[in-house]
PDB file of N, CA and C in Angstrom:
ATOM      1  N   UNK A   1      -4.820  14.541   4.825  1.00  0.00           N
ATOM      2  CA  UNK A   1      -4.209  13.484   4.029  1.00  0.00           C
ATOM      3  C   UNK A   1      -3.231  14.125   3.056  1.00  0.00           C
ATOM      4  N   UNK A   2      -1.985  13.777   3.207  1.00  0.00           N
ATOM      5  CA  UNK A   2      -0.974  14.372   2.353  1.00  0.00           C
ATOM      6  C   UNK A   2      -0.415  13.367   1.360  1.00  0.00           C
ATOM      7  N   UNK A   3       0.023  12.262   1.843  1.00  0.00           N
ATOM      8  CA  UNK A   3       0.704  11.263   1.028  1.00  0.00           C
ATOM      9  C   UNK A   3      -0.259  10.216   0.500  1.00  0.00           C
ATOM     10  N   UNK A   4       0.016   9.702  -0.713  1.00  0.00           N
ATOM     11  CA  UNK A   4      -0.824   8.621  -1.240  1.00  0.00           C
ATOM     12  C   UNK A   4      -0.906   7.428  -0.291  1.00  0.00           C
ATOM     13  N   UNK A   5       0.179   7.122   0.410  1.00  0.00           N
ATOM     14  CA  UNK A   5       0.161   5.980   1.325  1.00  0.00           C
ATOM     15  C   UNK A   5      -0.821   6.219   2.478  1.00  0.00           C
ATOM     16  N   UNK A   6      -0.939   7.476   2.925  1.00  0.00           N
ATOM     17  CA  UNK A   6      -1.908   7.803   3.972  1.00  0.00           C
ATOM     18  C   UNK A   6      -3.327   7.637   3.446  1.00  0.00           C
ATOM     19  N   UNK A   7      -3.555   8.097   2.222  1.00  0.00           N
ATOM     20  CA  UNK A   7      -4.874   7.967   1.605  1.00  0.00           C
ATOM     21  C   UNK A   7      -5.244   6.501   1.453  1.00  0.00           C
ATOM     22  N   UNK A   8      -4.289   5.701   0.982  1.00  0.00           N
ATOM     23  CA  UNK A   8      -4.550   4.275   0.793  1.00  0.00           C
ATOM     24  C   UNK A   8      -4.868   3.597   2.119  1.00  0.00           C
ATOM     25  N   UNK A   9      -4.175   3.970   3.176  1.00  0.00           N
ATOM     26  CA  UNK A   9      -4.423   3.363   4.486  1.00  0.00           C
ATOM     27  C   UNK A   9      -5.840   3.680   4.965  1.00  0.00           C
ATOM     28  N   UNK A  10      -6.274   4.898   4.762  1.00  0.00           N
ATOM     29  CA  UNK A  10      -7.624   5.294   5.179  1.00  0.00           C
ATOM     30  C   UNK A  10      -8.660   4.585   4.329  1.00  0.00           C
ATOM     31  N   UNK A  11      -8.425   4.531   3.016  1.00  0.00           N
ATOM     32  CA  UNK A  11      -9.357   3.853   2.109  1.00  0.00           C
ATOM     33  C   UNK A  11      -9.445   2.373   2.454  1.00  0.00           C
ATOM     34  N   UNK A  12      -8.309   1.741   2.713  1.00  0.00           N
ATOM     35  CA  UNK A  12      -8.291   0.316   3.061  1.00  0.00           C
ATOM     36  C   UNK A  12      -9.096   0.066   4.331  1.00  0.00           C
ATOM     37  N   UNK A  13      -8.913   0.914   5.325  1.00  0.00           N
ATOM     38  CA  UNK A  13      -9.655   0.775   6.586  1.00  0.00           C
ATOM     39  C   UNK A  13     -11.153   0.894   6.334  1.00  0.00           C
ATOM     40  N   UNK A  14     -11.544   1.863   5.539  1.00  0.00           N
ATOM     41  CA  UNK A  14     -12.959   2.083   5.270  1.00  0.00           C
ATOM     42  C   UNK A  14     -13.547   0.943   4.436  1.00  0.00           C
ATOM     43  N   UNK A  15     -12.746   0.383   3.538  1.00  0.00           N
ATOM     44  CA  UNK A  15     -13.199  -0.774   2.760  1.00  0.00           C
ATOM     45  C   UNK A  15     -13.444  -1.959   3.693  1.00  0.00           C
ATOM     46  N   UNK A  16     -12.550  -2.156   4.655  1.00  0.00           N
ATOM     47  CA  UNK A  16     -12.712  -3.246   5.612  1.00  0.00           C
ATOM     48  C   UNK A  16     -13.980  -3.068   6.441  1.00  0.00           C
ATOM     49  N   UNK A  17     -14.373  -1.812   6.637  1.00  0.00           N
ATOM     50  CA  UNK A  17     -15.597  -1.514   7.379  1.00  0.00           C
ATOM     51  C   UNK A  17     -16.840  -1.752   6.525  1.00  0.00           C
ATOM     52  N   UNK A  18     -16.629  -2.059   5.250  1.00  0.00           N
ATOM     53  CA  UNK A  18     -17.752  -2.359   4.362  1.00  0.00           C
ATOM     54  C   UNK A  18     -18.351  -1.150   3.664  1.00  0.00           C
ATOM     55  N   UNK A  19     -17.653  -0.037   3.704  1.00  0.00           N
ATOM     56  CA  UNK A  19     -18.175   1.173   3.076  1.00  0.00           C
ATOM     57  C   UNK A  19     -18.009   1.109   1.561  1.00  0.00           C
ATOM     58  N   UNK A  20     -18.938   1.736   0.858  1.00  0.00           N
ATOM     59  CA  UNK A  20     -18.884   1.784  -0.602  1.00  0.00           C
ATOM     60  C   UNK A  20     -17.902   2.874  -1.031  1.00  0.00           C
ATOM     61  N   UNK A  21     -17.524   2.815  -2.306  1.00  0.00           N
ATOM     62  CA  UNK A  21     -16.632   3.853  -2.836  1.00  0.00           C
ATOM     63  C   UNK A  21     -17.291   5.222  -2.690  1.00  0.00           C
ATOM     64  N   UNK A  22     -18.591   5.282  -2.908  1.00  0.00           N
ATOM     65  CA  UNK A  22     -19.314   6.546  -2.799  1.00  0.00           C
ATOM     66  C   UNK A  22     -19.255   7.073  -1.366  1.00  0.00           C
ATOM     67  N   UNK A  23     -19.472   6.197  -0.393  1.00  0.00           N
ATOM     68  CA  UNK A  23     -19.411   6.612   1.010  1.00  0.00           C
ATOM     69  C   UNK A  23     -18.004   7.089   1.366  1.00  0.00           C
ATOM     70  N   UNK A  24     -17.004   6.359   0.909  1.00  0.00           N
ATOM     71  CA  UNK A  24     -15.612   6.737   1.181  1.00  0.00           C
ATOM     72  C   UNK A  24     -15.322   8.094   0.564  1.00  0.00           C
ATOM     73  N   UNK A  25     -15.778   8.293  -0.660  1.00  0.00           N
ATOM     74  CA  UNK A  25     -15.573   9.557  -1.356  1.00  0.00           C
ATOM     75  C   UNK A  25     -16.195  10.715  -0.583  1.00  0.00           C
ATOM     76  N   UNK A  26     -17.432  10.523  -0.157  1.00  0.00           N
ATOM     77  CA  UNK A  26     -18.140  11.579   0.580  1.00  0.00           C
ATOM     78  C   UNK A  26     -17.468  11.884   1.914  1.00  0.00           C
ATOM     79  N   UNK A  27     -16.990  10.863   2.600  1.00  0.00           N
ATOM     80  CA  UNK A  27     -16.401  11.058   3.925  1.00  0.00           C
ATOM     81  C   UNK A  27     -14.977  11.608   3.882  1.00  0.00           C
ATOM     82  N   UNK A  28     -14.240  11.300   2.821  1.00  0.00           N
ATOM     83  CA  UNK A  28     -12.850  11.753   2.739  1.00  0.00           C
ATOM     84  C   UNK A  28     -12.682  13.019   1.905  1.00  0.00           C
ATOM     85  N   UNK A  29     -13.663  13.287   1.053  1.00  0.00           N
ATOM     86  CA  UNK A  29     -13.534  14.434   0.160  1.00  0.00           C
ATOM     87  C   UNK A  29     -12.715  14.126  -1.085  1.00  0.00           C
ATOM     88  N   UNK A  30     -12.312  12.873  -1.237  1.00  0.00           N
ATOM     89  CA  UNK A  30     -11.589  12.455  -2.436  1.00  0.00           C
ATOM     90  C   UNK A  30     -12.596  12.087  -3.513  1.00  0.00           C
ATOM     91  N   UNK A  31     -12.207  12.250  -4.765  1.00  0.00           N
ATOM     92  CA  UNK A  31     -13.131  11.928  -5.841  1.00  0.00           C
ATOM     93  C   UNK A  31     -13.378  10.421  -5.912  1.00  0.00           C
ATOM     94  N   UNK A  32     -14.532  10.073  -6.453  1.00  0.00           N
ATOM     95  CA  UNK A  32     -14.903   8.670  -6.631  1.00  0.00           C
ATOM     96  C   UNK A  32     -13.852   7.944  -7.462  1.00  0.00           C
ATOM     97  N   UNK A  33     -13.354   8.604  -8.510  1.00  0.00           N
ATOM     98  CA  UNK A  33     -12.359   7.947  -9.371  1.00  0.00           C
ATOM     99  C   UNK A  33     -11.048   7.701  -8.629  1.00  0.00           C
ATOM    100  N   UNK A  34     -10.672   8.603  -7.747  1.00  0.00           N
ATOM    101  CA  UNK A  34      -9.465   8.404  -6.942  1.00  0.00           C
ATOM    102  C   UNK A  34      -9.648   7.207  -6.024  1.00  0.00           C
ATOM    103  N   UNK A  35     -10.808   7.115  -5.397  1.00  0.00           N
ATOM    104  CA  UNK A  35     -11.106   5.981  -4.519  1.00  0.00           C
ATOM    105  C   UNK A  35     -11.032   4.686  -5.320  1.00  0.00           C
ATOM    106  N   UNK A  36     -11.623   4.701  -6.501  1.00  0.00           N
ATOM    107  CA  UNK A  36     -11.641   3.514  -7.353  1.00  0.00           C
ATOM    108  C   UNK A  36     -10.225   3.071  -7.725  1.00  0.00           C
ATOM    109  N   UNK A  37      -9.384   4.021  -8.084  1.00  0.00           N
ATOM    110  CA  UNK A  37      -7.992   3.701  -8.459  1.00  0.00           C
ATOM    111  C   UNK A  37      -7.240   3.114  -7.263  1.00  0.00           C
ATOM    112  N   UNK A  38      -7.306   3.786  -6.116  1.00  0.00           N
ATOM    113  CA  UNK A  38      -6.598   3.302  -4.931  1.00  0.00           C
ATOM    114  C   UNK A  38      -7.144   1.958  -4.465  1.00  0.00           C
ATOM    115  N   UNK A  39      -8.460   1.798  -4.506  1.00  0.00           N
ATOM    116  CA  UNK A  39      -9.064   0.532  -4.080  1.00  0.00           C
ATOM    117  C   UNK A  39      -8.588  -0.614  -4.976  1.00  0.00           C
ATOM    118  N   UNK A  40      -8.497  -0.356  -6.273  1.00  0.00           N
ATOM    119  CA  UNK A  40      -7.991  -1.377  -7.193  1.00  0.00           C
ATOM    120  C   UNK A  40      -6.562  -1.759  -6.861  1.00  0.00           C
ATOM    121  N   UNK A  41      -5.745  -0.766  -6.546  1.00  0.00           N
ATOM    122  CA  UNK A  41      -4.348  -1.036  -6.178  1.00  0.00           C
ATOM    123  C   UNK A  41      -4.283  -1.831  -4.880  1.00  0.00           C
ATOM    124  N   UNK A  42      -5.124  -1.483  -3.931  1.00  0.00           N
ATOM    125  CA  UNK A  42      -5.156  -2.191  -2.643  1.00  0.00           C
ATOM    126  C   UNK A  42      -5.556  -3.650  -2.853  1.00  0.00           C
ATOM    127  N   UNK A  43      -6.621  -3.868  -3.620  1.00  0.00           N
ATOM    128  CA  UNK A  43      -7.093  -5.236  -3.869  1.00  0.00           C
ATOM    129  C   UNK A  43      -6.060  -6.055  -4.642  1.00  0.00           C
ATOM    130  N   UNK A  44      -5.423  -5.437  -5.617  1.00  0.00           N
ATOM    131  CA  UNK A  44      -4.393  -6.124  -6.409  1.00  0.00           C
ATOM    132  C   UNK A  44      -3.241  -6.547  -5.506  1.00  0.00           C
ATOM    133  N   UNK A  45      -2.810  -5.656  -4.640  1.00  0.00           N
ATOM    134  CA  UNK A  45      -1.706  -5.970  -3.724  1.00  0.00           C
ATOM    135  C   UNK A  45      -2.112  -7.092  -2.761  1.00  0.00           C
ATOM    136  N   UNK A  46      -3.336  -7.043  -2.263  1.00  0.00           N
ATOM    137  CA  UNK A  46      -3.821  -8.095  -1.369  1.00  0.00           C
ATOM    138  C   UNK A  46      -3.815  -9.450  -2.073  1.00  0.00           C
ATOM    139  N   UNK A  47      -4.270  -9.483  -3.324  1.00  0.00           N
ATOM    140  CA  UNK A  47      -4.275 -10.743  -4.080  1.00  0.00           C
ATOM    141  C   UNK A  47      -2.854 -11.263  -4.268  1.00  0.00           C
ATOM    142  N   UNK A  48      -1.921 -10.367  -4.571  1.00  0.00           N
ATOM    143  CA  UNK A  48      -0.530 -10.790  -4.766  1.00  0.00           C
ATOM    144  C   UNK A  48       0.038 -11.381  -3.483  1.00  0.00           C
ATOM    145  N   UNK A  49      -0.211 -10.730  -2.368  1.00  0.00           N
ATOM    146  CA  UNK A  49       0.297 -11.195  -1.075  1.00  0.00           C
ATOM    147  C   UNK A  49      -0.295 -12.552  -0.747  1.00  0.00           C
ATOM    148  N   UNK A  50      -1.614 -12.694  -0.930  1.00  0.00           N
ATOM    149  CA  UNK A  50      -2.274 -13.947  -0.582  1.00  0.00           C
ATOM    150  C   UNK A  50      -1.923 -15.059  -1.560  1.00  0.00           C
ATOM    151  N   UNK A  51      -1.739 -14.731  -2.809  1.00  0.00           N
ATOM    152  CA  UNK A  51      -1.352 -15.746  -3.789  1.00  0.00           C
ATOM    153  C   UNK A  51       0.055 -16.254  -3.488  1.00  0.00           C
ATOM    154  N   UNK A  52       0.925 -15.348  -3.126  1.00  0.00           N
ATOM    155  CA  UNK A  52       2.293 -15.719  -2.822  1.00  0.00           C
ATOM    156  C   UNK A  52       2.361 -16.610  -1.592  1.00  0.00           C
ATOM    157  N   UNK A  53       1.541 -16.291  -0.592  1.00  0.00           N
ATOM    158  CA  UNK A  53       1.545 -17.060   0.656  1.00  0.00           C
ATOM    159  C   UNK A  53       0.620 -18.269   0.613  1.00  0.00           C
ATOM    160  N   UNK A  54      -0.139 -18.393  -0.460  1.00  0.00           N
ATOM    161  CA  UNK A  54      -1.083 -19.486  -0.549  1.00  0.00           C
ATOM    162  C   UNK A  54      -2.284 -19.290   0.352  1.00  0.00           C
ATOM    163  N   UNK A  55      -2.450 -18.090   0.841  1.00  0.00           N
ATOM    164  CA  UNK A  55      -3.537 -17.767   1.754  1.00  0.00           C
ATOM    165  C   UNK A  55      -4.750 -17.306   0.960  1.00  0.00           C
ATOM    166  N   UNK A  56      -5.924 -17.746   1.333  1.00  0.00           N
ATOM    167  CA  UNK A  56      -7.142 -17.390   0.615  1.00  0.00           C
ATOM    168  C   UNK A  56      -8.076 -16.524   1.460  1.00  0.00           C
ATOM    169  N   UNK A  57      -7.551 -15.798   2.434  1.00  0.00           N
ATOM    170  CA  UNK A  57      -8.407 -14.968   3.265  1.00  0.00           C
ATOM    171  C   UNK A  57      -8.885 -13.760   2.462  1.00  0.00           C
ATOM    172  N   UNK A  58     -10.009 -13.192   2.874  1.00  0.00           N
ATOM    173  CA  UNK A  58     -10.553 -12.032   2.183  1.00  0.00           C
ATOM    174  C   UNK A  58      -9.933 -10.771   2.734  1.00  0.00           C
ATOM    175  N   UNK A  59     -10.240  -9.664   2.085  1.00  0.00           N
ATOM    176  CA  UNK A  59      -9.752  -8.363   2.525  1.00  0.00           C
ATOM    177  C   UNK A  59     -10.221  -8.069   3.940  1.00  0.00           C
ATOM    178  N   UNK A  60     -11.408  -8.565   4.313  1.00  0.00           N
ATOM    179  CA  UNK A  60     -11.945  -8.319   5.640  1.00  0.00           C
ATOM    180  C   UNK A  60     -11.190  -9.093   6.725  1.00  0.00           C
ATOM    181  N   UNK A  61     -10.494 -10.145   6.336  1.00  0.00           N
ATOM    182  CA  UNK A  61      -9.763 -10.956   7.306  1.00  0.00           C
ATOM    183  C   UNK A  61      -8.368 -10.422   7.587  1.00  0.00           C
ATOM    184  N   UNK A  62      -7.907  -9.482   6.776  1.00  0.00           N
ATOM    185  CA  UNK A  62      -6.528  -8.988   6.897  1.00  0.00           C
ATOM    186  C   UNK A  62      -6.429  -7.989   8.010  1.00  0.00           C
TER     187      UNK A  62
END
């Protein structure tokens, strides 16, 4: 994992799989706080996209 966008893509995929931040941290080798920061950014972006489109689907539906 080199780029933040690559890290975010992997974290997003693992979140969709239902993994906890701790599990993601252990499997990727990234710190828990890094996972937490990226996950917050991912969720915020998802809310913005869905709010703009009027869509109420969950992160698991994307």
